[in-house]
Amino acid sequence: MVLRSAFLSIFLLTIAVGGALAQNADNTTSLFPQRDPREDQPKSIKEQLDKLRIEQEKKDHQAMLVRGDEALKISEELDTKVSTNAQLDTKDRQKLESLEKILTKIRNELGGDDDGGSALDPAADQSESDEVKPNERPKDVVDGIKSLRSTTIKLVDELKKTTRFTISATAIQTTNAVLRITRILKFWN
C-alpha cells in the first residue's frame, strides 16, 4: 500500500509540475516567466552593438558619397566624349545604364522614390537661363549631356551637405532629375 501511494504521489507531482510549467498560446502565463535575452546582456555588449551600428551607418554614408563622385565622373566622361563626337555609341549607352544604377542606389539610400516626373527640380529654377532644365527634353544630345553634367554636379554638392542623420528632399529631387535626363539620353535616337 505504501509503495502504491508513493507511485501515485510521484505521478501526481509530475503532472502538477508539468501543468505549472505549461504556457498558453500567447506565451504570457507561466509559473516561471522568461526574461528578454537582450535584457540579460551586459551594458558593454549593448554599447558595442551601438558602436557597430554607428560605424555601419558611417560606412553607408561614405559609400553614398563615393557613388556620387562616380556619377559625376561618368557624366564628365560623357560630356568630354559627346563634345567631340556629338553622338552616343554603345559604350556611352552602357555608361548611361551604369549611371542610372548608381543614381537609383543613391536615391534609395536617401529614402526617396520615383516622383513620376511631375515635380520641378528646385536647383534648376535657380540656374542660368541658357541651361537646359531637367524636366524639359533637350534639343540635342550635346545639350542633354551638358544638362546631365550640371545637374549631377548639383547632386554631388547636395550629397556633400548631408550627414548620416539627415534626409535631404532637395538631394532626392535632384537625383530624380538626373535619372530623368539619363533615361531620356539612354533612348535618344
Protein backbone atom coordinates (compact mmCIF):
# COMPACT_ATOMS: atom_id res chain seq x y z
CA MET A 1 0.00 0.00 0.00
CA VAL A 2 2.83 2.41 0.83
CA LEU A 3 4.52 1.62 -2.44
CA ARG A 4 1.33 2.22 -4.32
CA SER A 5 0.72 5.60 -2.67
CA ALA A 6 4.37 6.59 -3.30
CA PHE A 7 4.00 5.89 -7.03
CA LEU A 8 0.68 7.70 -7.09
CA SER A 9 2.13 10.74 -5.34
CA ILE A 10 5.15 10.83 -7.72
CA PHE A 11 2.77 10.54 -10.68
CA LEU A 12 0.54 13.37 -9.38
CA LEU A 13 3.58 15.53 -8.61
CA THR A 14 4.87 15.04 -12.16
CA ILE A 15 1.53 16.06 -13.64
CA ALA A 16 1.29 19.08 -11.34
CA VAL A 17 4.80 20.33 -12.23
CA GLY A 18 4.15 19.78 -15.95
CA GLY A 19 0.91 21.74 -15.74
CA ALA A 20 2.58 24.54 -13.78
CA LEU A 21 5.30 24.92 -16.39
CA ALA A 22 2.88 24.84 -19.29
CA GLN A 23 2.13 28.08 -21.11
CA ASN A 24 -0.87 29.17 -23.07
CA ALA A 25 -0.81 30.06 -26.78
CA ASP A 26 0.20 33.70 -26.29
CA ASN A 27 3.17 32.77 -24.04
CA THR A 28 2.11 35.20 -21.35
CA THR A 29 1.24 33.00 -18.40
CA SER A 30 3.80 30.76 -16.85
CA LEU A 31 4.83 29.82 -13.36
CA PHE A 32 8.41 30.80 -14.25
CA PRO A 33 8.35 33.79 -16.65
CA GLN A 34 11.26 34.10 -19.04
CA ARG A 35 13.23 37.30 -19.48
CA ASP A 36 14.10 39.01 -22.73
CA PRO A 37 17.61 37.84 -23.75
CA ARG A 38 18.58 41.43 -24.61
CA GLU A 39 17.94 42.45 -21.01
CA ASP A 40 20.47 39.87 -19.86
CA GLN A 41 23.27 41.39 -21.94
CA PRO A 42 25.82 43.37 -20.01
CA LYS A 43 25.92 47.07 -20.72
CA SER A 44 29.24 46.75 -22.52
CA ILE A 45 27.74 44.41 -25.13
CA LYS A 46 24.86 46.83 -25.75
CA GLU A 47 27.34 49.67 -26.13
CA GLN A 48 29.41 47.57 -28.54
CA LEU A 49 26.34 46.82 -30.66
CA ASP A 50 25.51 50.54 -30.78
CA LYS A 51 29.07 51.34 -31.84
CA LEU A 52 28.90 48.74 -34.62
CA ARG A 53 25.58 50.16 -35.84
CA ILE A 54 27.03 53.69 -35.88
CA GLU A 55 30.12 52.51 -37.77
CA GLN A 56 27.90 50.80 -40.35
CA GLU A 57 25.85 53.97 -40.81
CA LYS A 58 29.07 55.95 -41.35
CA LYS A 59 30.28 53.42 -43.93
CA ASP A 60 26.93 53.55 -45.74
CA HIS A 61 27.05 57.35 -45.89
CA GLN A 62 30.63 57.29 -47.17
CA ALA A 63 29.63 54.75 -49.82
CA MET A 64 26.82 57.06 -50.95
CA LEU A 65 29.28 59.95 -51.30
CA VAL A 66 31.62 57.72 -53.32
CA ARG A 67 28.70 56.77 -55.59
CA GLY A 68 28.01 60.46 -56.10
CA ASP A 69 31.61 61.01 -57.15
CA GLU A 70 31.35 58.03 -59.54
CA ALA A 71 28.22 59.52 -61.07
CA LEU A 72 29.99 62.85 -61.55
CA LYS A 73 32.99 61.10 -63.14
CA ILE A 74 30.74 59.24 -65.59
CA SER A 75 28.85 62.41 -66.54
CA GLU A 76 32.14 64.26 -67.10
CA GLU A 77 33.43 61.41 -69.29
CA LEU A 78 30.23 61.53 -71.32
CA ASP A 79 30.48 65.33 -71.62
CA THR A 80 34.05 65.08 -72.91
CA LYS A 81 33.13 62.33 -75.38
CA VAL A 82 29.99 63.99 -76.73
CA SER A 83 31.61 67.42 -77.07
CA THR A 84 33.97 65.92 -79.67
CA ASN A 85 31.61 63.41 -81.33
CA ALA A 86 28.05 64.76 -80.73
CA GLN A 87 26.67 61.20 -80.74
CA LEU A 88 26.19 58.38 -78.28
CA ASP A 89 27.65 54.99 -79.14
CA THR A 90 27.12 51.62 -77.45
CA LYS A 91 29.76 52.24 -74.76
CA ASP A 92 28.17 55.59 -73.94
CA ARG A 93 24.78 53.94 -73.53
CA GLN A 94 26.36 51.37 -71.21
CA LYS A 95 27.80 54.23 -69.17
CA LEU A 96 24.35 55.77 -69.02
CA GLU A 97 22.94 52.45 -67.76
CA SER A 98 25.60 52.21 -65.05
CA LEU A 99 24.94 55.85 -64.15
CA GLU A 100 21.24 55.05 -63.82
CA LYS A 101 22.02 52.14 -61.47
CA ILE A 102 24.28 54.32 -59.33
CA LEU A 103 21.67 57.07 -59.14
CA THR A 104 18.95 54.58 -58.21
CA LYS A 105 21.11 53.30 -55.33
CA ILE A 106 21.74 56.87 -54.16
CA ARG A 107 18.04 57.69 -54.27
CA ASN A 108 17.16 54.52 -52.34
CA GLU A 109 19.78 55.28 -49.69
CA LEU A 110 18.35 58.77 -49.33
CA GLY A 111 14.94 57.23 -48.77
CA GLY A 112 13.49 58.63 -51.97
CA ASP A 113 11.14 57.25 -54.55
CA ASP A 114 10.43 57.95 -58.21
CA ASP A 115 8.33 61.09 -58.40
CA GLY A 116 6.97 60.27 -61.83
CA GLY A 117 8.50 63.37 -63.39
CA SER A 118 5.85 65.73 -62.03
CA ALA A 119 7.92 67.76 -59.57
CA LEU A 120 10.23 70.51 -60.75
CA ASP A 121 13.88 70.46 -59.81
CA PRO A 122 14.45 73.33 -57.34
CA ALA A 123 18.09 73.61 -58.36
CA ALA A 124 17.08 74.15 -61.99
CA ASP A 125 14.88 77.10 -61.08
CA GLN A 126 17.91 78.97 -59.72
CA SER A 127 20.16 78.18 -62.69
CA GLU A 128 21.23 80.38 -65.57
CA SER A 129 18.76 80.95 -68.40
CA ASP A 130 20.86 79.23 -71.10
CA GLU A 131 21.00 75.93 -69.16
CA VAL A 132 18.58 73.14 -70.03
CA LYS A 133 16.10 72.39 -67.26
CA PRO A 134 15.98 68.71 -66.23
CA ASN A 135 12.22 68.38 -66.82
CA GLU A 136 12.44 69.64 -70.39
CA ARG A 137 13.55 67.40 -73.23
CA PRO A 138 16.89 68.69 -74.55
CA LYS A 139 17.02 69.73 -78.19
CA ASP A 140 20.03 67.50 -78.95
CA VAL A 141 22.45 65.08 -77.33
CA VAL A 142 25.04 67.74 -76.54
CA ASP A 143 22.52 69.85 -74.60
CA GLY A 144 21.28 66.74 -72.83
CA ILE A 145 24.76 65.71 -71.71
CA LYS A 146 25.53 69.27 -70.56
CA SER A 147 22.32 69.27 -68.55
CA LEU A 148 23.20 65.85 -67.17
CA ARG A 149 26.62 67.04 -66.06
CA SER A 150 25.40 70.28 -64.46
CA THR A 151 22.58 68.53 -62.60
CA THR A 152 24.98 65.79 -61.44
CA ILE A 153 27.30 68.49 -60.07
CA LYS A 154 24.35 69.91 -58.12
CA LEU A 155 23.53 66.43 -56.83
CA VAL A 156 27.07 65.84 -55.58
CA ASP A 157 27.04 69.24 -53.88
CA GLU A 158 23.76 68.34 -52.14
CA LEU A 159 25.12 64.95 -51.09
CA LYS A 160 28.17 66.58 -49.54
CA LYS A 161 25.86 68.81 -47.48
CA THR A 162 24.06 65.80 -45.99
CA THR A 163 25.02 63.80 -42.95
CA ARG A 164 24.07 60.29 -41.96
CA PHE A 165 21.38 61.82 -39.74
CA THR A 166 19.63 63.90 -42.41
CA ILE A 167 17.28 63.25 -45.26
CA SER A 168 17.59 65.85 -48.00
CA ALA A 169 14.48 66.34 -50.09
CA THR A 170 16.49 68.52 -52.47
CA ALA A 171 19.02 65.73 -52.99
CA ILE A 172 16.19 63.28 -53.71
CA GLN A 173 14.60 65.66 -56.23
CA THR A 174 17.94 66.33 -57.87
CA THR A 175 18.59 62.59 -58.09
CA ASN A 176 15.21 62.14 -59.77
CA ALA A 177 16.05 64.94 -62.21
CA VAL A 178 19.39 63.33 -63.13
CA LEU A 179 17.63 59.99 -63.55
CA ARG A 180 15.06 61.55 -65.92
CA ILE A 181 17.81 63.09 -68.04
CA THR A 182 19.73 59.79 -68.04
CA ARG A 183 16.66 57.87 -69.21
CA ILE A 184 15.96 60.38 -71.96
CA LEU A 185 19.54 60.18 -73.21
CA LYS A 186 19.69 56.41 -72.94
CA PHE A 187 16.90 56.06 -75.51
CA TRP A 188 17.95 59.02 -77.70
CA ASN A 189 17.98 58.18 -81.41
